[in-house]
N, C-alpha and C. Protein backbone atom coordinates (compact mmCIF):
# COMPACT_ATOMS: atom_id res chain seq x y z
N MET A 1 244.13 138.94 325.63
CA MET A 1 244.01 137.50 325.51
C MET A 1 244.61 137.07 324.18
N THR A 2 245.32 135.94 324.19
CA THR A 2 245.95 135.46 322.96
C THR A 2 244.96 134.67 322.11
N ASP A 3 245.19 134.67 320.84
CA ASP A 3 244.33 133.92 319.92
C ASP A 3 244.70 132.44 319.94
N ARG A 4 243.70 131.61 319.92
CA ARG A 4 243.92 130.17 319.86
C ARG A 4 244.04 129.73 318.41
N PRO A 5 244.85 128.70 318.16
CA PRO A 5 244.92 128.20 316.79
C PRO A 5 243.61 127.50 316.40
N THR A 6 243.28 127.58 315.13
CA THR A 6 242.05 126.97 314.64
C THR A 6 242.29 125.50 314.34
N LEU A 7 241.43 124.64 314.85
CA LEU A 7 241.54 123.22 314.58
C LEU A 7 240.77 122.88 313.31
N THR A 8 241.39 122.10 312.46
CA THR A 8 240.72 121.68 311.23
C THR A 8 240.75 120.17 311.13
N LYS A 9 239.71 119.62 310.53
CA LYS A 9 239.65 118.17 310.33
C LYS A 9 240.47 117.78 309.11
N ILE A 10 241.15 116.67 309.24
CA ILE A 10 241.88 116.13 308.10
C ILE A 10 240.92 115.24 307.33
N ARG A 11 240.82 115.47 306.06
CA ARG A 11 239.90 114.68 305.25
C ARG A 11 240.43 113.26 305.09
N ALA A 12 239.51 112.33 305.12
CA ALA A 12 239.87 110.92 304.96
C ALA A 12 240.36 110.70 303.53
N SER A 13 241.37 109.84 303.41
CA SER A 13 241.89 109.54 302.08
C SER A 13 240.86 108.73 301.28
N LYS A 14 240.99 108.74 299.99
CA LYS A 14 240.04 108.04 299.14
C LYS A 14 240.43 106.59 298.91
N GLU A 15 241.42 106.09 299.64
CA GLU A 15 241.81 104.69 299.54
C GLU A 15 240.74 103.81 300.17
N PRO A 16 240.52 102.61 299.62
CA PRO A 16 239.54 101.73 300.23
C PRO A 16 239.98 101.28 301.62
N ALA A 17 239.04 101.08 302.50
CA ALA A 17 239.34 100.71 303.88
C ALA A 17 239.89 99.31 303.99
N SER A 18 239.68 98.44 303.00
CA SER A 18 240.15 97.06 303.08
C SER A 18 241.67 96.96 303.01
N ASP A 19 242.35 97.98 302.50
CA ASP A 19 243.81 97.95 302.43
C ASP A 19 244.46 98.27 303.76
N ILE A 20 243.70 98.83 304.68
CA ILE A 20 244.25 99.21 305.97
C ILE A 20 244.13 98.03 306.94
N VAL A 21 245.25 97.61 307.50
CA VAL A 21 245.26 96.49 308.43
C VAL A 21 245.04 97.03 309.83
N THR A 22 244.03 96.51 310.50
CA THR A 22 243.77 96.92 311.88
C THR A 22 243.85 95.71 312.78
N GLY A 23 244.26 95.90 313.99
CA GLY A 23 244.36 94.81 314.94
C GLY A 23 245.61 93.97 314.72
N GLN A 24 245.61 92.79 315.32
CA GLN A 24 246.79 91.93 315.27
C GLN A 24 246.71 90.90 314.16
N SER A 25 245.58 90.77 313.51
CA SER A 25 245.43 89.72 312.51
C SER A 25 246.14 90.09 311.22
N LYS A 26 246.62 89.06 310.54
CA LYS A 26 247.26 89.24 309.25
C LYS A 26 246.20 89.05 308.16
N PRO A 27 246.27 89.84 307.11
CA PRO A 27 245.31 89.61 306.03
C PRO A 27 245.62 88.31 305.30
N SER A 28 244.59 87.64 304.85
CA SER A 28 244.76 86.37 304.15
C SER A 28 244.93 86.64 302.67
N PHE A 29 246.09 86.30 302.12
CA PHE A 29 246.36 86.54 300.72
C PHE A 29 246.29 85.27 299.88
N HIS A 30 246.49 84.12 300.49
CA HIS A 30 246.59 82.88 299.72
C HIS A 30 245.49 81.90 300.12
N GLN A 31 245.38 80.84 299.33
CA GLN A 31 244.29 79.87 299.48
C GLN A 31 244.43 79.00 300.73
N PHE A 32 245.63 78.59 301.08
CA PHE A 32 245.82 77.62 302.16
C PHE A 32 246.35 78.31 303.41
N LEU A 33 245.58 78.18 304.50
CA LEU A 33 245.94 78.81 305.77
C LEU A 33 246.54 77.77 306.70
N LEU A 34 247.69 78.08 307.30
CA LEU A 34 248.32 77.21 308.28
C LEU A 34 247.85 77.66 309.65
N LYS A 35 247.22 76.75 310.39
CA LYS A 35 246.68 77.07 311.71
C LYS A 35 247.37 76.23 312.77
N VAL A 36 247.71 76.87 313.89
CA VAL A 36 248.30 76.20 315.04
C VAL A 36 247.38 76.47 316.22
N ASP A 37 246.84 75.40 316.78
CA ASP A 37 245.87 75.49 317.87
C ASP A 37 244.72 76.45 317.54
N GLY A 38 244.26 76.40 316.30
CA GLY A 38 243.11 77.19 315.87
C GLY A 38 243.42 78.62 315.47
N GLN A 39 244.67 79.04 315.61
CA GLN A 39 245.04 80.40 315.24
C GLN A 39 245.80 80.39 313.92
N THR A 40 245.39 81.24 312.99
CA THR A 40 246.04 81.32 311.69
C THR A 40 247.41 81.95 311.85
N LYS A 41 248.43 81.25 311.35
CA LYS A 41 249.80 81.74 311.47
C LYS A 41 250.36 82.24 310.15
N ASP A 42 249.96 81.63 309.01
CA ASP A 42 250.49 82.04 307.72
C ASP A 42 249.58 81.51 306.63
N SER A 43 249.78 81.99 305.40
CA SER A 43 249.01 81.49 304.27
C SER A 43 249.96 81.15 303.13
N PHE A 44 249.57 80.16 302.33
CA PHE A 44 250.42 79.65 301.26
C PHE A 44 249.61 79.46 299.99
N THR A 45 250.30 79.43 298.86
CA THR A 45 249.62 79.24 297.58
C THR A 45 249.37 77.77 297.28
N THR A 46 250.19 76.86 297.83
CA THR A 46 250.01 75.43 297.57
C THR A 46 249.85 74.67 298.88
N PHE A 47 249.10 73.58 298.80
CA PHE A 47 248.88 72.73 299.98
C PHE A 47 250.19 72.09 300.43
N GLU A 48 251.01 71.68 299.46
CA GLU A 48 252.26 70.98 299.78
C GLU A 48 253.19 71.86 300.63
N THR A 49 253.27 73.13 300.30
CA THR A 49 254.12 74.04 301.07
C THR A 49 253.58 74.23 302.49
N ALA A 50 252.29 74.41 302.60
CA ALA A 50 251.68 74.57 303.93
C ALA A 50 251.84 73.30 304.76
N GLU A 51 251.69 72.15 304.12
CA GLU A 51 251.84 70.87 304.83
C GLU A 51 253.29 70.67 305.29
N LYS A 52 254.24 71.04 304.45
CA LYS A 52 255.66 70.90 304.80
C LYS A 52 256.02 71.74 306.02
N ILE A 53 255.57 72.98 306.04
CA ILE A 53 255.83 73.86 307.19
C ILE A 53 255.08 73.35 308.42
N GLY A 54 253.86 72.87 308.21
CA GLY A 54 253.07 72.33 309.31
C GLY A 54 253.72 71.11 309.95
N LEU A 55 254.32 70.25 309.13
CA LEU A 55 255.02 69.08 309.67
C LEU A 55 256.24 69.48 310.50
N LYS A 56 256.94 70.52 310.06
CA LYS A 56 258.09 71.00 310.84
C LYS A 56 257.64 71.49 312.22
N ILE A 57 256.54 72.23 312.23
CA ILE A 57 256.01 72.74 313.50
C ILE A 57 255.57 71.58 314.39
N LYS A 58 254.88 70.61 313.79
CA LYS A 58 254.35 69.47 314.55
C LYS A 58 255.49 68.63 315.14
N LYS A 59 256.59 68.46 314.39
CA LYS A 59 257.73 67.70 314.91
C LYS A 59 258.43 68.45 316.04
N ALA A 60 258.48 69.77 315.94
CA ALA A 60 259.13 70.56 316.99
C ALA A 60 258.25 70.66 318.24
N TYR A 61 256.94 70.73 318.04
CA TYR A 61 255.99 70.87 319.15
C TYR A 61 254.86 69.86 318.97
N PRO A 62 255.06 68.60 319.38
CA PRO A 62 254.06 67.56 319.12
C PRO A 62 252.75 67.74 319.88
N VAL A 63 252.69 68.57 320.89
CA VAL A 63 251.48 68.74 321.69
C VAL A 63 250.44 69.61 320.96
N VAL A 64 250.88 70.56 320.15
CA VAL A 64 249.95 71.48 319.50
C VAL A 64 249.22 70.81 318.33
N GLN A 65 248.04 71.32 318.01
CA GLN A 65 247.30 70.84 316.86
C GLN A 65 247.62 71.74 315.67
N VAL A 66 248.09 71.13 314.60
CA VAL A 66 248.45 71.86 313.40
C VAL A 66 247.52 71.42 312.28
N SER A 67 246.96 72.39 311.55
CA SER A 67 246.06 72.05 310.45
C SER A 67 246.26 73.02 309.30
N VAL A 68 245.82 72.57 308.12
CA VAL A 68 245.84 73.40 306.92
C VAL A 68 244.40 73.55 306.48
N TYR A 69 243.96 74.78 306.29
CA TYR A 69 242.58 75.07 305.89
C TYR A 69 242.57 75.59 304.45
N ASP A 70 241.78 74.94 303.60
CA ASP A 70 241.62 75.36 302.21
C ASP A 70 240.44 76.32 302.16
N THR A 71 240.70 77.59 301.84
CA THR A 71 239.65 78.60 301.86
C THR A 71 238.70 78.47 300.67
N VAL A 72 239.12 77.85 299.59
CA VAL A 72 238.26 77.71 298.41
C VAL A 72 237.27 76.55 298.60
N GLN A 73 237.78 75.40 299.05
CA GLN A 73 236.92 74.23 299.22
C GLN A 73 236.36 74.09 300.63
N SER A 74 236.74 74.97 301.52
CA SER A 74 236.30 74.95 302.93
C SER A 74 236.57 73.61 303.59
N GLN A 75 237.81 73.12 303.43
CA GLN A 75 238.21 71.85 304.03
C GLN A 75 239.39 72.08 304.96
N LYS A 76 239.36 71.35 306.09
CA LYS A 76 240.46 71.42 307.05
C LYS A 76 241.15 70.06 307.08
N THR A 77 242.47 70.07 306.96
CA THR A 77 243.28 68.86 307.04
C THR A 77 244.18 68.96 308.25
N ILE A 78 244.05 68.04 309.18
CA ILE A 78 244.86 68.03 310.38
C ILE A 78 246.19 67.35 310.07
N ILE A 79 247.28 68.00 310.45
CA ILE A 79 248.62 67.48 310.22
C ILE A 79 248.97 66.58 311.39
N GLY A 80 249.28 65.31 311.09
CA GLY A 80 249.60 64.36 312.14
C GLY A 80 251.06 64.38 312.51
N GLY A 81 251.36 63.81 313.63
CA GLY A 81 252.75 63.74 314.08
C GLY A 81 253.32 62.36 313.85
N GLU A 82 253.34 61.92 312.59
CA GLU A 82 253.87 60.60 312.27
C GLU A 82 255.34 60.53 312.60
N LYS A 83 255.75 59.40 313.13
CA LYS A 83 257.17 59.20 313.44
C LYS A 83 257.83 58.52 312.26
N GLU A 84 259.02 59.02 311.93
CA GLU A 84 259.74 58.45 310.79
C GLU A 84 260.74 57.43 311.24
């Protein structure tokens, strides 16, 4: 009879688990989250940048709800589809 190879466990790395991204969600790095129909799409450091991108999305797709969420102040601002 032939010898079987010995199985050994690989030790877990000492890196913190928070650095490992699991699932489909993106980690939130910045204060302002851009949400489309309630789903977070991106994060930005300034409200103005998030609002500018949100307006572009809203103009291209007026049916969807676009909002910017401030993670520090816990405030949601809905981006309107104003006509110029």
